[in-house]
Structure formats: C-alpha cells, structure tokens
Protein backbone atom coordinates (compact mmCIF):
# COMPACT_ATOMS: atom_id res chain seq x y z
CA UNK A 1 41.59 48.08 -0.27
CA UNK A 2 43.35 48.05 -3.63
CA UNK A 3 46.71 46.32 -4.00
CA UNK A 4 48.93 47.80 -6.73
CA UNK A 5 51.29 45.38 -8.49
CA UNK A 6 54.54 47.24 -9.05
CA UNK A 7 57.28 44.88 -7.82
CA UNK A 8 58.17 41.20 -7.78
CA UNK A 9 57.21 41.20 -4.08
CA UNK A 10 53.73 42.46 -5.06
CA UNK A 11 53.42 39.53 -7.46
CA UNK A 12 54.54 37.08 -4.76
CA UNK A 13 51.94 38.55 -2.38
CA UNK A 14 49.16 38.24 -4.98
CA UNK A 15 50.04 34.62 -5.75
CA UNK A 16 50.31 33.77 -2.05
CA UNK A 17 47.08 35.48 -0.99
CA UNK A 18 45.07 34.05 -3.91
CA UNK A 19 46.68 30.59 -3.71
CA UNK A 20 47.95 31.01 -7.31
CA UNK A 21 44.25 31.40 -8.23
CA UNK A 22 43.86 27.63 -7.85
CA UNK A 23 40.24 26.51 -8.33
CA UNK A 24 39.00 29.92 -9.47
CA UNK A 25 36.60 30.64 -12.32
CA UNK A 26 36.22 33.79 -14.38
CA UNK A 27 32.80 35.29 -13.60
CA UNK A 28 32.90 38.46 -15.69
CA UNK A 29 35.06 40.67 -17.88
CA UNK A 30 34.52 44.34 -18.70
CA UNK A 31 36.73 46.13 -21.26
CA UNK A 32 36.76 49.88 -21.86
CA UNK A 33 38.85 51.98 -24.26
CA UNK A 34 37.90 55.44 -23.06
CA UNK A 35 36.81 56.24 -26.61
CA UNK A 36 33.33 57.46 -27.54
CA UNK A 37 31.42 60.47 -28.74
CA UNK A 38 30.80 63.88 -27.22
CA UNK A 39 28.75 66.88 -28.27
CA UNK A 40 31.78 68.08 -30.25
CA UNK A 41 32.38 64.80 -32.06
CA UNK A 42 33.96 61.40 -31.80
CA UNK A 43 36.86 60.76 -29.45
CA UNK A 44 38.88 58.15 -31.29
CA UNK A 45 42.09 58.13 -29.30
CA UNK A 46 42.61 58.36 -25.59
CA UNK A 47 45.35 57.93 -23.02
CA UNK A 48 46.79 54.42 -22.63
CA UNK A 49 45.63 54.32 -18.99
CA UNK A 50 42.01 54.56 -20.20
CA UNK A 51 42.26 51.13 -21.86
CA UNK A 52 41.10 49.05 -18.92
CA UNK A 53 40.01 45.49 -18.36
CA UNK A 54 38.17 44.45 -15.19
CA UNK A 55 38.10 40.73 -14.40
CA UNK A 56 36.14 39.15 -11.53
CA UNK A 57 36.82 35.60 -10.34
CA UNK A 58 35.06 33.38 -7.83
CA UNK A 59 37.39 31.24 -5.77
CA UNK A 60 37.20 28.18 -3.53
CA UNK A 61 40.29 29.07 -1.51
CA UNK A 62 39.71 32.80 -0.99
CA UNK A 63 37.14 35.54 -1.37
CA UNK A 64 36.24 36.61 -4.91
CA UNK A 65 39.06 38.42 -6.70
CA UNK A 66 38.73 41.64 -8.71
CA UNK A 67 41.60 42.58 -11.04
CA UNK A 68 41.82 45.84 -12.99
CA UNK A 69 44.40 46.09 -15.75
CA UNK A 70 45.30 49.53 -17.10
CA UNK A 71 47.04 50.39 -20.35
CA UNK A 72 45.80 47.11 -21.87
CA UNK A 73 47.97 46.20 -24.88
CA UNK A 74 46.44 42.83 -25.74
CA UNK A 75 44.14 40.28 -24.19
CA UNK A 76 42.62 36.95 -25.11
CA UNK A 77 39.71 35.29 -23.37
CA UNK A 78 39.10 31.61 -24.07
CA UNK A 79 35.42 30.82 -24.29
CA UNK A 80 33.68 27.49 -24.12
CA UNK A 81 35.78 24.53 -25.25
CA UNK A 82 34.57 20.93 -25.55
CA UNK A 83 36.04 18.56 -22.98
CA UNK A 84 37.61 21.35 -20.90
CA UNK A 85 36.52 22.67 -17.53
CA UNK A 86 36.32 26.36 -16.71
CA UNK A 87 38.32 26.24 -13.50
CA UNK A 88 41.77 27.77 -13.31
CA UNK A 89 44.27 25.39 -11.78
CA UNK A 90 47.00 28.00 -11.44
CA UNK A 91 48.00 31.28 -13.03
CA UNK A 92 51.05 33.04 -14.39
CA UNK A 93 51.68 36.62 -13.26
CA UNK A 94 54.93 38.32 -14.15
CA UNK A 95 56.72 41.30 -15.63
CA UNK A 96 57.96 40.99 -19.21
CA UNK A 97 60.26 43.39 -21.06
CA UNK A 98 60.59 41.54 -24.37
CA UNK A 99 57.02 41.79 -25.64
CA UNK A 100 57.32 45.09 -27.53
CA UNK A 101 60.33 43.90 -29.51
CA UNK A 102 64.04 43.56 -28.95
CA UNK A 103 64.78 47.27 -29.36
CA UNK A 104 62.41 48.29 -26.55
CA UNK A 105 62.42 47.55 -22.87
CA UNK A 106 58.83 48.34 -21.92
CA UNK A 107 58.02 46.56 -18.68
CA UNK A 108 54.58 45.06 -19.07
CA UNK A 109 52.63 42.90 -16.67
CA UNK A 110 51.23 39.62 -17.95
CA UNK A 111 48.52 37.53 -16.35
CA UNK A 112 47.53 34.15 -17.78
CA UNK A 113 45.24 31.38 -16.58
CA UNK A 114 47.92 28.90 -17.60
CA UNK A 115 51.44 29.10 -18.90
CA UNK A 116 52.49 32.08 -21.02
CA UNK A 117 55.35 31.69 -23.48
CA UNK A 118 54.74 33.57 -26.74
CA UNK A 119 57.36 33.62 -29.47
CA UNK A 120 58.85 37.09 -29.97
CA UNK A 121 60.05 37.92 -33.50
CA UNK A 122 61.75 41.31 -33.74
CA UNK A 123 58.94 43.75 -33.01
CA UNK A 124 56.03 41.31 -33.20
CA UNK A 125 54.58 38.73 -30.83
CA UNK A 126 53.35 35.37 -32.12
CA UNK A 127 50.42 34.53 -29.88
CA UNK A 128 49.06 31.63 -31.93
CA UNK A 129 50.49 29.05 -29.53
CA UNK A 130 48.95 30.74 -26.46
CA UNK A 131 45.92 28.57 -25.83
CA UNK A 132 44.97 30.21 -22.56
CA UNK A 133 43.29 33.42 -21.49
CA UNK A 134 45.82 36.19 -20.91
CA UNK A 135 46.22 39.94 -20.45
CA UNK A 136 49.21 42.11 -21.38
CA UNK A 137 49.02 45.58 -19.81
CA UNK A 138 50.98 48.47 -18.35
CA UNK A 139 49.55 48.12 -14.85
CA UNK A 140 47.47 46.00 -12.48
CA UNK A 141 45.66 46.49 -9.22
CA UNK A 142 43.55 43.90 -7.39
CA UNK A 143 41.46 43.29 -4.30
CA UNK A 144 39.18 40.77 -2.65
CA UNK A 145 35.46 41.48 -2.97
CA UNK A 146 32.23 39.93 -1.81
CA UNK A 147 30.86 37.35 -4.25
CA UNK A 148 28.66 38.84 -6.95
CA UNK A 149 25.06 37.61 -6.95
C-alpha cells in the first residue's frame, strides 16, 4: 500500500514507521524525465509529474523502503567517499517553501540522508555546502517492500 506524504502528520508517520531511516542503506536509484522520442519526433519537455526518482533502501529496523518522488526539481546522490560508511544514521524529511526564491511560496518536499540547510539567495539555492544525498520534489509516496535480491 502506498503512503502519500501531504501533511506534517504524514511526515511524522514516515519517520516513526521507518525509525528515521536509522541504519538504512541506499540500494538503488532510478530517475526518469518522461522525455524521449516517438515516431513523430523527440519529446523534449514533459509534465513536471513525469520527472520521477525511485529510491530503494534496505533497513535493519524495518522492511525495505521504496520512495517515489514526483516533480523532481533537484537531487544529489553522494557516491563512494573514503573513510565514510554507506549507512544512513538518520534522515531529514520536511516541507520547504523558501527554495524557489523569496517571491514564491512553492511548497516542496525535501528528503536528505543527513541535515539539509542550503543557503537561499533571492531566486537561487546555494547547494555547495550540502554534503549529503538529497531530493527536492513536488511530491512523495512511499511503502515497505520485500528486500530486493
């Protein structure tokens, strides 16, 4: 069963049921833009909802977790780093309204495998100091799944 994240209570439920994603590891990521070619030519633009990112995590404290972000605005995945483990010790999940600039109030959902505190300058986001994996998107749904082989 899919769980839509639309309210603060939905976020609290996700964090509670996944134990803040403590001791999880990212198993796979699959990004799609909805763009491609057809018999009539190239489709270069598509609806925001078609920009999706599917993340699958294995967990020690729960079943595996599948998250699907829609309307993906930006994401960063940290790869291998010397002297760092892959496990997530805790995550950030929250709604942000300041990320599209001070003159807009777009409510976006942000997931991060650590803290998330970018600097916002007018209409731009400075993500250089974000040294964790993160996703900024319009929407999120999640569910528990059986571990992938």
